[in-house]
Amino acid sequence: MYFLWDCFNLWADIGNEKDRPGNYSLSEYPVHQLPTTNYQLPTTNYQLPTNHLVDGLVAIGS
């Protein structure tokens, strides 16, 4: 999982390739047919006690 500007991408391809079953290497995809879908969980704007608007992030000590 890594942070995006407005959400968390829980389906991010991070880590070792052998630890991600079902993923293909770049050499196994035809040219110009790489998967481009980016699944994102929508988030809303959160109002923190210090009145800092944070869009999809957690700010501690701001």
N, C-alpha and C. Protein backbone atom coordinates (compact mmCIF):
# COMPACT_ATOMS: atom_id res chain seq x y z
N MET A 1 0.85 -1.17 0.00
CA MET A 1 0.00 0.00 0.00
C MET A 1 0.89 1.23 0.00
N TYR A 2 0.54 2.21 -0.80
CA TYR A 2 1.26 3.47 -0.77
C TYR A 2 0.28 4.61 -0.89
N PHE A 3 0.70 5.80 -0.52
CA PHE A 3 -0.18 6.96 -0.49
C PHE A 3 -0.30 7.58 -1.87
N LEU A 4 -1.50 7.98 -2.23
CA LEU A 4 -1.77 8.81 -3.39
C LEU A 4 -2.28 10.14 -2.86
N TRP A 5 -2.49 11.10 -3.72
CA TRP A 5 -2.93 12.41 -3.23
C TRP A 5 -4.30 12.33 -2.56
N ASP A 6 -5.23 11.57 -3.11
CA ASP A 6 -6.60 11.58 -2.60
C ASP A 6 -7.07 10.23 -2.08
N CYS A 7 -6.20 9.25 -1.99
CA CYS A 7 -6.68 7.94 -1.57
C CYS A 7 -5.50 7.02 -1.28
N PHE A 8 -5.82 5.82 -0.84
CA PHE A 8 -4.84 4.75 -0.68
C PHE A 8 -5.00 3.77 -1.83
N ASN A 9 -3.92 3.32 -2.38
CA ASN A 9 -3.97 2.32 -3.44
C ASN A 9 -3.62 0.97 -2.81
N LEU A 10 -4.66 0.21 -2.44
CA LEU A 10 -4.44 -1.06 -1.76
C LEU A 10 -3.99 -2.16 -2.72
N TRP A 11 -4.16 -1.95 -4.01
CA TRP A 11 -3.79 -2.95 -5.00
C TRP A 11 -2.47 -2.61 -5.68
N ALA A 12 -1.65 -1.80 -5.04
CA ALA A 12 -0.37 -1.40 -5.63
C ALA A 12 0.55 -2.61 -5.77
N ASP A 13 1.25 -2.64 -6.88
CA ASP A 13 2.20 -3.72 -7.12
C ASP A 13 3.54 -3.35 -6.51
N ILE A 14 3.68 -3.59 -5.23
CA ILE A 14 4.95 -3.33 -4.57
C ILE A 14 5.44 -4.62 -3.94
N GLY A 15 6.70 -4.72 -3.73
CA GLY A 15 7.27 -5.94 -3.18
C GLY A 15 7.88 -6.80 -4.27
N ASN A 16 8.33 -7.95 -3.90
CA ASN A 16 8.95 -8.87 -4.86
C ASN A 16 7.92 -9.43 -5.82
N GLU A 17 8.31 -9.58 -7.07
CA GLU A 17 7.38 -10.09 -8.08
C GLU A 17 6.89 -11.49 -7.75
N LYS A 18 7.75 -12.34 -7.20
CA LYS A 18 7.33 -13.70 -6.89
C LYS A 18 6.34 -13.75 -5.73
N ASP A 19 6.28 -12.68 -4.93
CA ASP A 19 5.32 -12.61 -3.82
C ASP A 19 3.96 -12.08 -4.26
N ARG A 20 3.81 -11.76 -5.55
CA ARG A 20 2.55 -11.22 -6.07
C ARG A 20 1.97 -12.20 -7.07
N PRO A 21 1.29 -13.26 -6.63
CA PRO A 21 0.75 -14.24 -7.57
C PRO A 21 -0.29 -13.61 -8.49
N GLY A 22 -0.30 -14.02 -9.74
CA GLY A 22 -1.25 -13.50 -10.70
C GLY A 22 -0.73 -12.33 -11.50
N ASN A 23 0.38 -11.74 -11.12
CA ASN A 23 0.97 -10.65 -11.88
C ASN A 23 1.92 -11.20 -12.92
N TYR A 24 2.01 -10.51 -14.04
CA TYR A 24 2.90 -10.91 -15.11
C TYR A 24 4.08 -9.95 -15.18
N SER A 25 5.19 -10.42 -15.70
CA SER A 25 6.32 -9.52 -15.91
C SER A 25 6.04 -8.66 -17.14
N LEU A 26 6.79 -7.58 -17.30
CA LEU A 26 6.58 -6.70 -18.45
C LEU A 26 6.82 -7.42 -19.76
N SER A 27 7.73 -8.38 -19.79
CA SER A 27 8.02 -9.09 -21.04
C SER A 27 6.87 -10.01 -21.47
N GLU A 28 5.95 -10.33 -20.57
CA GLU A 28 4.83 -11.21 -20.90
C GLU A 28 3.63 -10.46 -21.48
N TYR A 29 3.62 -9.12 -21.41
CA TYR A 29 2.52 -8.34 -21.96
C TYR A 29 2.84 -7.90 -23.37
N PRO A 30 1.85 -7.90 -24.28
CA PRO A 30 2.08 -7.35 -25.62
C PRO A 30 2.35 -5.85 -25.52
N VAL A 31 3.09 -5.33 -26.48
CA VAL A 31 3.40 -3.90 -26.49
C VAL A 31 2.09 -3.10 -26.57
N HIS A 32 1.99 -2.03 -25.83
CA HIS A 32 0.84 -1.12 -25.77
C HIS A 32 -0.42 -1.78 -25.18
N GLN A 33 -0.29 -2.90 -24.47
CA GLN A 33 -1.44 -3.52 -23.84
C GLN A 33 -1.18 -3.78 -22.36
N LEU A 34 -0.39 -2.95 -21.73
CA LEU A 34 -0.15 -3.09 -20.31
C LEU A 34 -1.40 -2.69 -19.54
N PRO A 35 -1.67 -3.31 -18.41
CA PRO A 35 -2.85 -2.93 -17.63
C PRO A 35 -2.68 -1.51 -17.09
N THR A 36 -3.71 -0.71 -17.25
CA THR A 36 -3.62 0.69 -16.81
C THR A 36 -4.65 1.04 -15.76
N THR A 37 -5.44 0.08 -15.29
CA THR A 37 -6.46 0.36 -14.30
C THR A 37 -5.82 0.63 -12.95
N ASN A 38 -6.23 1.70 -12.32
CA ASN A 38 -5.73 2.04 -11.00
C ASN A 38 -6.91 2.06 -10.05
N TYR A 39 -7.01 1.03 -9.22
CA TYR A 39 -8.12 0.94 -8.29
C TYR A 39 -7.82 1.83 -7.09
N GLN A 40 -8.77 2.69 -6.75
CA GLN A 40 -8.57 3.62 -5.65
C GLN A 40 -9.79 3.63 -4.75
N LEU A 41 -9.54 3.74 -3.47
CA LEU A 41 -10.62 3.92 -2.52
C LEU A 41 -10.85 5.41 -2.33
N PRO A 42 -12.05 5.91 -2.60
CA PRO A 42 -12.28 7.34 -2.43
C PRO A 42 -12.24 7.74 -0.96
N THR A 43 -11.76 8.92 -0.72
CA THR A 43 -11.75 9.46 0.63
C THR A 43 -12.39 10.83 0.60
N THR A 44 -12.67 11.34 1.75
CA THR A 44 -13.26 12.67 1.85
C THR A 44 -12.31 13.58 2.60
N ASN A 45 -12.62 14.86 2.60
CA ASN A 45 -11.81 15.81 3.35
C ASN A 45 -12.09 15.65 4.83
N TYR A 46 -11.03 15.62 5.61
CA TYR A 46 -11.16 15.46 7.05
C TYR A 46 -10.80 16.76 7.74
N GLN A 47 -11.54 17.14 8.75
CA GLN A 47 -11.24 18.33 9.53
C GLN A 47 -10.54 17.89 10.81
N LEU A 48 -9.28 18.25 10.95
CA LEU A 48 -8.51 17.89 12.14
C LEU A 48 -8.76 18.91 13.25
N PRO A 49 -8.50 18.54 14.50
CA PRO A 49 -8.74 19.46 15.62
C PRO A 49 -7.98 20.78 15.50
N THR A 50 -6.87 20.80 14.77
CA THR A 50 -6.10 22.04 14.63
C THR A 50 -6.56 22.87 13.45
N ASN A 51 -7.73 22.52 12.88
CA ASN A 51 -8.33 23.24 11.76
C ASN A 51 -7.50 23.18 10.48
N HIS A 52 -6.70 22.14 10.32
CA HIS A 52 -5.98 21.92 9.07
C HIS A 52 -6.81 20.95 8.24
N LEU A 53 -7.20 21.36 7.05
CA LEU A 53 -7.90 20.44 6.15
C LEU A 53 -6.88 19.51 5.53
N VAL A 54 -7.15 18.24 5.61
CA VAL A 54 -6.26 17.25 5.05
C VAL A 54 -7.07 16.41 4.07
N ASP A 55 -6.58 16.29 2.87
CA ASP A 55 -7.30 15.57 1.83
C ASP A 55 -6.71 14.18 1.68
N GLY A 56 -7.25 13.21 2.40
CA GLY A 56 -6.84 11.83 2.25
C GLY A 56 -5.55 11.47 2.97
N LEU A 57 -5.02 12.35 3.79
CA LEU A 57 -3.79 12.08 4.53
C LEU A 57 -4.05 12.18 6.02
N VAL A 58 -3.13 11.70 6.80
CA VAL A 58 -3.19 11.89 8.25
C VAL A 58 -2.00 12.75 8.62
N ALA A 59 -2.24 13.93 9.13
CA ALA A 59 -1.16 14.83 9.54
C ALA A 59 -1.10 14.85 11.05
N ILE A 60 0.03 14.48 11.60
CA ILE A 60 0.20 14.44 13.05
C ILE A 60 1.13 15.56 13.45
N GLY A 61 0.74 16.33 14.42
CA GLY A 61 1.58 17.40 14.93
C GLY A 61 1.59 18.64 14.06
N SER A 62 0.58 18.80 13.21
CA SER A 62 0.53 19.99 12.36
C SER A 62 -0.07 21.15 13.13
